[in-house]
N, C-alpha and C. Protein backbone atom coordinates (compact mmCIF):
# COMPACT_ATOMS: atom_id res chain seq x y z
N MET A 1 48.78 -54.94 78.70
CA MET A 1 48.21 -53.59 78.61
C MET A 1 47.81 -53.37 77.17
N THR A 2 46.64 -52.77 76.98
CA THR A 2 46.17 -52.48 75.65
C THR A 2 45.98 -50.97 75.52
N VAL A 3 46.49 -50.35 74.43
CA VAL A 3 46.39 -48.96 74.16
C VAL A 3 45.37 -48.79 73.04
N VAL A 4 44.43 -47.88 73.25
CA VAL A 4 43.45 -47.59 72.21
C VAL A 4 43.83 -46.34 71.50
N LEU A 5 43.89 -46.42 70.17
CA LEU A 5 44.22 -45.30 69.33
C LEU A 5 43.05 -44.98 68.40
N LEU A 6 42.77 -43.70 68.25
CA LEU A 6 41.75 -43.30 67.27
C LEU A 6 42.47 -42.90 66.00
N LEU A 7 42.25 -43.68 64.93
CA LEU A 7 42.91 -43.46 63.71
C LEU A 7 41.93 -43.22 62.57
N SER A 8 42.32 -42.38 61.64
CA SER A 8 41.43 -42.14 60.56
C SER A 8 41.58 -43.13 59.41
N SER A 9 42.71 -43.87 59.45
CA SER A 9 42.84 -44.93 58.44
C SER A 9 43.34 -46.17 59.14
N LEU A 10 43.04 -47.34 58.59
CA LEU A 10 43.47 -48.56 59.24
C LEU A 10 44.80 -49.07 58.78
N SER A 11 45.49 -48.30 57.91
CA SER A 11 46.81 -48.71 57.40
C SER A 11 47.86 -48.73 58.53
N VAL A 12 47.62 -48.02 59.59
CA VAL A 12 48.56 -48.01 60.75
C VAL A 12 48.41 -49.17 61.63
N ALA A 13 47.37 -49.97 61.46
CA ALA A 13 47.04 -51.06 62.35
C ALA A 13 48.22 -52.07 62.51
N ALA A 14 49.08 -52.23 61.48
CA ALA A 14 50.14 -53.19 61.59
C ALA A 14 51.37 -52.68 62.34
N ALA A 15 51.44 -51.44 62.63
CA ALA A 15 52.61 -50.87 63.31
C ALA A 15 52.71 -51.42 64.75
N LYS A 16 53.93 -51.61 65.20
CA LYS A 16 54.14 -52.07 66.61
C LYS A 16 54.46 -50.82 67.43
N ILE A 17 53.92 -50.88 68.64
CA ILE A 17 54.16 -49.75 69.56
C ILE A 17 54.91 -50.36 70.79
N TYR A 18 55.91 -49.61 71.23
CA TYR A 18 56.72 -50.01 72.35
C TYR A 18 56.58 -49.03 73.53
N LYS A 19 56.57 -49.60 74.70
CA LYS A 19 56.50 -48.78 75.91
C LYS A 19 57.87 -48.81 76.58
N CYS A 20 58.38 -47.61 76.83
CA CYS A 20 59.71 -47.46 77.48
C CYS A 20 59.65 -46.42 78.62
N GLU A 21 60.63 -46.42 79.41
CA GLU A 21 60.75 -45.38 80.44
C GLU A 21 62.07 -44.69 80.20
N ASP A 22 62.05 -43.35 80.26
CA ASP A 22 63.30 -42.60 80.17
C ASP A 22 64.00 -42.58 81.49
N SER A 23 65.21 -41.93 81.51
CA SER A 23 66.00 -41.84 82.73
C SER A 23 65.26 -41.13 83.88
N ASN A 24 64.25 -40.35 83.61
CA ASN A 24 63.53 -39.67 84.70
C ASN A 24 62.30 -40.48 85.12
N GLY A 25 62.07 -41.61 84.56
CA GLY A 25 60.96 -42.47 84.94
C GLY A 25 59.65 -42.10 84.18
N ILE A 26 59.74 -41.30 83.13
CA ILE A 26 58.58 -40.94 82.36
C ILE A 26 58.32 -41.97 81.27
N THR A 27 57.04 -42.45 81.19
CA THR A 27 56.67 -43.45 80.20
C THR A 27 56.59 -42.83 78.85
N ILE A 28 57.23 -43.53 77.88
CA ILE A 28 57.23 -43.06 76.52
C ILE A 28 56.71 -44.17 75.62
N TYR A 29 55.89 -43.82 74.65
CA TYR A 29 55.43 -44.80 73.65
C TYR A 29 56.09 -44.49 72.33
N SER A 30 56.65 -45.50 71.68
CA SER A 30 57.41 -45.25 70.47
C SER A 30 57.19 -46.37 69.45
N GLN A 31 57.49 -46.09 68.21
CA GLN A 31 57.37 -47.11 67.17
C GLN A 31 58.63 -48.00 67.11
N THR A 32 59.66 -47.57 67.79
CA THR A 32 60.88 -48.39 67.88
C THR A 32 61.23 -48.55 69.34
N PRO A 33 61.88 -49.72 69.68
CA PRO A 33 62.24 -49.91 71.05
C PRO A 33 63.32 -48.93 71.46
N CYS A 34 63.11 -48.26 72.59
CA CYS A 34 64.10 -47.26 73.02
C CYS A 34 65.29 -47.90 73.76
N ASP A 35 65.08 -49.04 74.36
CA ASP A 35 66.15 -49.76 75.02
C ASP A 35 65.80 -51.27 75.11
N LYS A 36 66.68 -52.02 75.77
CA LYS A 36 66.42 -53.44 75.86
C LYS A 36 65.22 -53.77 76.79
N ALA A 37 64.85 -52.86 77.65
CA ALA A 37 63.73 -53.10 78.57
C ALA A 37 62.38 -52.73 77.97
N ALA A 38 62.41 -52.20 76.74
CA ALA A 38 61.17 -51.83 76.06
C ALA A 38 60.22 -53.00 75.91
N THR A 39 58.98 -52.83 76.15
CA THR A 39 57.98 -53.86 75.96
C THR A 39 57.00 -53.51 74.88
N ALA A 40 56.66 -54.58 74.04
CA ALA A 40 55.69 -54.37 73.01
C ALA A 40 54.31 -54.25 73.64
N VAL A 41 53.52 -53.36 73.07
CA VAL A 41 52.19 -53.08 73.60
C VAL A 41 51.14 -53.50 72.55
N ASP A 42 50.12 -54.19 72.99
CA ASP A 42 48.98 -54.50 72.05
C ASP A 42 48.23 -53.24 71.74
N VAL A 43 48.01 -53.05 70.47
CA VAL A 43 47.31 -51.84 70.03
C VAL A 43 45.94 -52.23 69.44
N LYS A 44 44.90 -51.66 70.02
CA LYS A 44 43.60 -51.92 69.49
C LYS A 44 43.22 -50.67 68.70
N VAL A 45 42.98 -50.82 67.38
CA VAL A 45 42.71 -49.69 66.50
C VAL A 45 41.18 -49.49 66.47
N VAL A 46 40.76 -48.25 66.80
CA VAL A 46 39.37 -47.89 66.78
C VAL A 46 39.24 -46.69 65.87
N PRO A 47 38.49 -46.83 64.75
CA PRO A 47 38.33 -45.65 63.90
C PRO A 47 37.63 -44.52 64.60
N ALA A 48 38.12 -43.29 64.33
CA ALA A 48 37.50 -42.14 64.95
C ALA A 48 36.11 -41.92 64.39
N PRO A 49 35.12 -41.56 65.28
CA PRO A 49 33.72 -41.36 64.77
C PRO A 49 33.80 -40.13 63.84
N ALA A 50 33.02 -40.20 62.78
CA ALA A 50 33.00 -39.13 61.79
C ALA A 50 32.64 -37.76 62.37
N ASN A 51 31.67 -37.76 63.28
CA ASN A 51 31.26 -36.47 63.84
C ASN A 51 32.04 -36.03 65.00
N LYS A 52 33.07 -36.75 65.40
CA LYS A 52 33.88 -36.38 66.58
C LYS A 52 35.28 -36.00 66.21
N GLU A 53 35.58 -36.02 64.90
CA GLU A 53 36.94 -35.63 64.45
C GLU A 53 37.19 -34.21 64.75
N PRO A 54 38.34 -33.86 65.26
CA PRO A 54 38.58 -32.43 65.52
C PRO A 54 38.56 -31.61 64.25
N GLN A 55 37.95 -30.45 64.37
CA GLN A 55 37.88 -29.56 63.17
C GLN A 55 39.16 -28.80 63.04
N SER A 56 39.50 -28.49 61.85
CA SER A 56 40.65 -27.62 61.59
C SER A 56 40.24 -26.20 61.95
N VAL A 57 41.26 -25.34 62.11
CA VAL A 57 41.03 -23.94 62.39
C VAL A 57 40.18 -23.32 61.30
N HIS A 58 40.39 -23.70 60.10
CA HIS A 58 39.65 -23.12 58.95
C HIS A 58 38.19 -23.54 59.07
N GLU A 59 37.92 -24.82 59.39
CA GLU A 59 36.54 -25.32 59.53
C GLU A 59 35.83 -24.57 60.68
N ARG A 60 36.52 -24.37 61.83
CA ARG A 60 35.94 -23.66 62.92
C ARG A 60 35.64 -22.20 62.59
N GLU A 61 36.53 -21.56 61.80
CA GLU A 61 36.27 -20.18 61.35
C GLU A 61 35.11 -20.14 60.44
N LEU A 62 34.97 -21.12 59.54
CA LEU A 62 33.82 -21.16 58.64
C LEU A 62 32.52 -21.33 59.36
N ASP A 63 32.54 -22.22 60.38
CA ASP A 63 31.34 -22.43 61.22
C ASP A 63 30.98 -21.15 61.92
N ALA A 64 32.00 -20.47 62.48
CA ALA A 64 31.73 -19.19 63.17
C ALA A 64 31.13 -18.18 62.25
N VAL A 65 31.64 -18.07 61.06
CA VAL A 65 31.15 -17.12 60.05
C VAL A 65 29.71 -17.49 59.67
N GLY A 66 29.50 -18.78 59.50
CA GLY A 66 28.15 -19.26 59.14
C GLY A 66 27.15 -18.89 60.22
N GLN A 67 27.54 -19.12 61.52
CA GLN A 67 26.66 -18.82 62.61
C GLN A 67 26.41 -17.28 62.71
N TYR A 68 27.43 -16.51 62.46
CA TYR A 68 27.30 -15.07 62.47
C TYR A 68 26.32 -14.59 61.38
N VAL A 69 26.47 -15.15 60.19
CA VAL A 69 25.60 -14.78 59.05
C VAL A 69 24.18 -15.18 59.36
N GLU A 70 24.02 -16.39 59.95
CA GLU A 70 22.67 -16.81 60.29
C GLU A 70 22.01 -15.93 61.33
N GLN A 71 22.81 -15.48 62.31
CA GLN A 71 22.29 -14.61 63.35
C GLN A 71 21.94 -13.25 62.75
N GLN A 72 22.77 -12.76 61.83
CA GLN A 72 22.51 -11.45 61.18
C GLN A 72 21.23 -11.51 60.40
N THR A 73 21.04 -12.64 59.67
CA THR A 73 19.81 -12.87 58.91
C THR A 73 18.60 -12.82 59.79
N LYS A 74 18.67 -13.56 60.90
CA LYS A 74 17.54 -13.57 61.86
C LYS A 74 17.27 -12.15 62.38
N ASP A 75 18.37 -11.46 62.74
CA ASP A 75 18.18 -10.08 63.25
C ASP A 75 17.47 -9.17 62.25
N ARG A 76 17.87 -9.30 60.99
CA ARG A 76 17.25 -8.49 59.95
C ARG A 76 15.74 -8.80 59.75
N LYS A 77 15.45 -10.12 59.79
CA LYS A 77 14.06 -10.56 59.71
C LYS A 77 13.22 -10.01 60.89
N ILE A 78 13.76 -10.13 62.07
CA ILE A 78 13.06 -9.66 63.23
C ILE A 78 12.88 -8.13 63.16
N ALA A 79 13.87 -7.42 62.76
CA ALA A 79 13.81 -5.92 62.63
C ALA A 79 12.72 -5.59 61.58
N HIS A 80 12.64 -6.33 60.51
CA HIS A 80 11.62 -6.11 59.49
C HIS A 80 10.25 -6.26 60.07
N HIS A 81 10.00 -7.33 60.85
CA HIS A 81 8.66 -7.54 61.45
C HIS A 81 8.39 -6.46 62.54
N GLU A 82 9.41 -6.05 63.26
CA GLU A 82 9.21 -4.99 64.26
C GLU A 82 8.82 -3.67 63.60
N ARG A 83 9.46 -3.36 62.47
CA ARG A 83 9.09 -2.16 61.72
C ARG A 83 7.66 -2.28 61.21
N ASN A 84 7.23 -3.47 60.76
CA ASN A 84 5.84 -3.65 60.36
C ASN A 84 4.88 -3.41 61.50
N ILE A 85 5.21 -3.89 62.65
CA ILE A 85 4.40 -3.69 63.82
C ILE A 85 4.26 -2.21 64.16
N ASN A 86 5.35 -1.48 64.09
CA ASN A 86 5.29 -0.06 64.35
C ASN A 86 4.45 0.69 63.31
N ARG A 87 4.58 0.30 62.02
CA ARG A 87 3.78 0.91 60.98
C ARG A 87 2.29 0.65 61.23
N LEU A 88 1.99 -0.60 61.63
CA LEU A 88 0.59 -0.96 61.86
C LEU A 88 0.02 -0.17 63.02
N LYS A 89 0.84 -0.01 64.05
CA LYS A 89 0.38 0.79 65.20
C LYS A 89 0.13 2.24 64.83
N THR A 90 1.04 2.78 63.98
CA THR A 90 0.85 4.16 63.54
C THR A 90 -0.41 4.32 62.69
N LYS A 91 -0.63 3.33 61.75
CA LYS A 91 -1.82 3.37 60.94
C LYS A 91 -3.11 3.26 61.81
N LEU A 92 -3.01 2.37 62.82
CA LEU A 92 -4.18 2.16 63.71
C LEU A 92 -4.51 3.49 64.43
N ALA A 93 -3.48 4.14 64.94
CA ALA A 93 -3.74 5.42 65.65
C ALA A 93 -4.29 6.46 64.70
N ALA A 94 -3.82 6.54 63.48
CA ALA A 94 -4.36 7.52 62.53
C ALA A 94 -5.84 7.18 62.16
N GLU A 95 -6.08 5.92 61.91
CA GLU A 95 -7.45 5.52 61.54
C GLU A 95 -8.38 5.63 62.73
N PHE A 96 -7.85 5.43 63.91
CA PHE A 96 -8.71 5.55 65.10
C PHE A 96 -9.11 6.99 65.30
N LYS A 97 -8.12 7.92 65.03
CA LYS A 97 -8.48 9.36 65.10
C LYS A 97 -9.53 9.75 64.07
N GLN A 98 -9.42 9.20 62.88
CA GLN A 98 -10.39 9.52 61.87
C GLN A 98 -11.79 8.98 62.27
N LEU A 99 -11.82 7.81 62.91
CA LEU A 99 -13.11 7.24 63.38
C LEU A 99 -13.67 8.14 64.48
N GLN A 100 -12.86 8.64 65.33
CA GLN A 100 -13.29 9.52 66.44
C GLN A 100 -13.90 10.80 65.86
N ASP A 101 -13.33 11.30 64.76
CA ASP A 101 -13.76 12.56 64.19
C ASP A 101 -15.05 12.41 63.31
N GLN A 102 -15.31 11.21 62.88
CA GLN A 102 -16.51 10.99 62.07
C GLN A 102 -17.80 11.04 62.92
N ARG A 103 -18.84 11.38 62.20
CA ARG A 103 -20.16 11.40 62.79
C ARG A 103 -20.85 10.07 62.56
N TYR A 104 -21.50 9.61 63.60
CA TYR A 104 -22.21 8.32 63.50
C TYR A 104 -23.62 8.56 63.91
N ARG A 105 -24.52 7.69 63.38
CA ARG A 105 -25.92 7.86 63.79
C ARG A 105 -26.09 7.55 65.26
N THR A 106 -25.38 6.50 65.76
CA THR A 106 -25.49 6.20 67.14
C THR A 106 -24.08 5.93 67.76
N ALA A 107 -24.08 5.99 69.05
CA ALA A 107 -22.81 5.68 69.75
C ALA A 107 -22.46 4.21 69.51
N GLU A 108 -23.46 3.36 69.37
CA GLU A 108 -23.22 1.95 69.15
C GLU A 108 -22.52 1.70 67.80
N ASP A 109 -22.93 2.46 66.78
CA ASP A 109 -22.26 2.38 65.47
C ASP A 109 -20.79 2.75 65.60
N LYS A 110 -20.52 3.80 66.33
CA LYS A 110 -19.14 4.24 66.51
C LYS A 110 -18.32 3.15 67.20
N ASP A 111 -18.90 2.58 68.29
CA ASP A 111 -18.21 1.52 69.05
C ASP A 111 -17.92 0.34 68.16
N LYS A 112 -18.90 -0.08 67.33
CA LYS A 112 -18.69 -1.22 66.40
C LYS A 112 -17.54 -0.93 65.43
N ALA A 113 -17.49 0.32 64.88
CA ALA A 113 -16.43 0.65 63.94
C ALA A 113 -15.09 0.59 64.66
N ILE A 114 -15.00 1.14 65.84
CA ILE A 114 -13.76 1.14 66.58
C ILE A 114 -13.34 -0.34 66.89
N GLU A 115 -14.30 -1.12 67.25
CA GLU A 115 -14.00 -2.51 67.61
C GLU A 115 -13.52 -3.31 66.42
N ALA A 116 -14.15 -3.09 65.25
CA ALA A 116 -13.73 -3.74 63.99
C ALA A 116 -12.35 -3.34 63.62
N LEU A 117 -12.06 -2.04 63.71
CA LEU A 117 -10.71 -1.56 63.39
C LEU A 117 -9.66 -2.13 64.29
N SER A 118 -9.99 -2.13 65.58
CA SER A 118 -9.01 -2.71 66.54
C SER A 118 -8.75 -4.17 66.29
N LYS A 119 -9.84 -4.89 66.04
CA LYS A 119 -9.69 -6.34 65.76
C LYS A 119 -8.84 -6.59 64.56
N TYR A 120 -9.12 -5.82 63.50
CA TYR A 120 -8.32 -5.99 62.26
C TYR A 120 -6.80 -5.79 62.50
N TYR A 121 -6.51 -4.63 63.09
CA TYR A 121 -5.08 -4.37 63.29
C TYR A 121 -4.47 -5.28 64.36
N ASN A 122 -5.17 -5.70 65.35
CA ASN A 122 -4.59 -6.58 66.33
C ASN A 122 -4.27 -7.97 65.66
N GLN A 123 -5.08 -8.38 64.72
CA GLN A 123 -4.75 -9.60 64.01
C GLN A 123 -3.48 -9.48 63.16
N LEU A 124 -3.35 -8.35 62.52
CA LEU A 124 -2.15 -8.12 61.73
C LEU A 124 -0.90 -8.04 62.61
N ILE A 125 -1.01 -7.34 63.76
CA ILE A 125 0.11 -7.22 64.66
C ILE A 125 0.43 -8.60 65.25
N ALA A 126 -0.60 -9.41 65.59
CA ALA A 126 -0.38 -10.77 66.17
C ALA A 126 0.35 -11.65 65.15
N ALA A 127 0.03 -11.50 63.83
CA ALA A 127 0.69 -12.30 62.82
C ALA A 127 2.19 -11.89 62.75
N GLU A 128 2.51 -10.65 62.87
CA GLU A 128 3.91 -10.18 62.88
C GLU A 128 4.65 -10.70 64.15
N GLN A 129 3.96 -10.63 65.29
CA GLN A 129 4.58 -11.17 66.50
C GLN A 129 4.82 -12.68 66.44
N LYS A 130 3.88 -13.35 65.79
CA LYS A 130 4.05 -14.85 65.61
C LYS A 130 5.25 -15.12 64.72
N ALA A 131 5.47 -14.33 63.71
CA ALA A 131 6.60 -14.48 62.83
C ALA A 131 7.89 -14.25 63.56
N ILE A 132 7.90 -13.26 64.42
CA ILE A 132 9.13 -12.98 65.27
C ILE A 132 9.38 -14.20 66.15
N LYS A 133 8.36 -14.67 66.77
CA LYS A 133 8.53 -15.84 67.69
C LYS A 133 9.06 -17.04 66.92
N ALA A 134 8.58 -17.27 65.71
CA ALA A 134 9.05 -18.39 64.88
C ALA A 134 10.52 -18.24 64.58
N ILE A 135 10.98 -17.01 64.34
CA ILE A 135 12.34 -16.77 64.05
C ILE A 135 13.24 -17.09 65.28
N TYR A 136 12.77 -16.63 66.44
CA TYR A 136 13.51 -16.88 67.69
C TYR A 136 13.70 -18.37 67.93
N HIS A 137 12.61 -19.15 67.57
CA HIS A 137 12.62 -20.59 67.86
C HIS A 137 13.22 -21.44 66.77
N SER A 138 13.56 -20.80 65.61
CA SER A 138 14.09 -21.57 64.54
C SER A 138 15.55 -21.93 64.81
N HIS A 139 15.86 -23.05 64.43
CA HIS A 139 17.25 -23.64 64.50
C HIS A 139 18.00 -23.11 65.64
């Protein structure tokens, strides 16, 4: 029988491991023979993968705080872009009203002015929306 141990250092590789059974029939592994019936077990030492080592409670807490801060930063950036969108919509409405109140030589001139204004603000709003989408898809 071979037992595989994940160890962080290879200095333990020379230790002998013994397999014993207690009075209730439960298998116990020990560094010392528990009785005369103890059998030595071949130990294959496998170093633990660096990215699979269990994290300490402190490391998990730091990760959680880091994730929280990252999410808060994203939320602030998104809120900033949403405020910009609302400001742009408010400006568009105000400028649209001004265009409606102005006199034009022809109805076509008025339509062109409204179209140009709408196109300009829609591009600005689209840029803000694109920024929000990039934040959602980041990391």
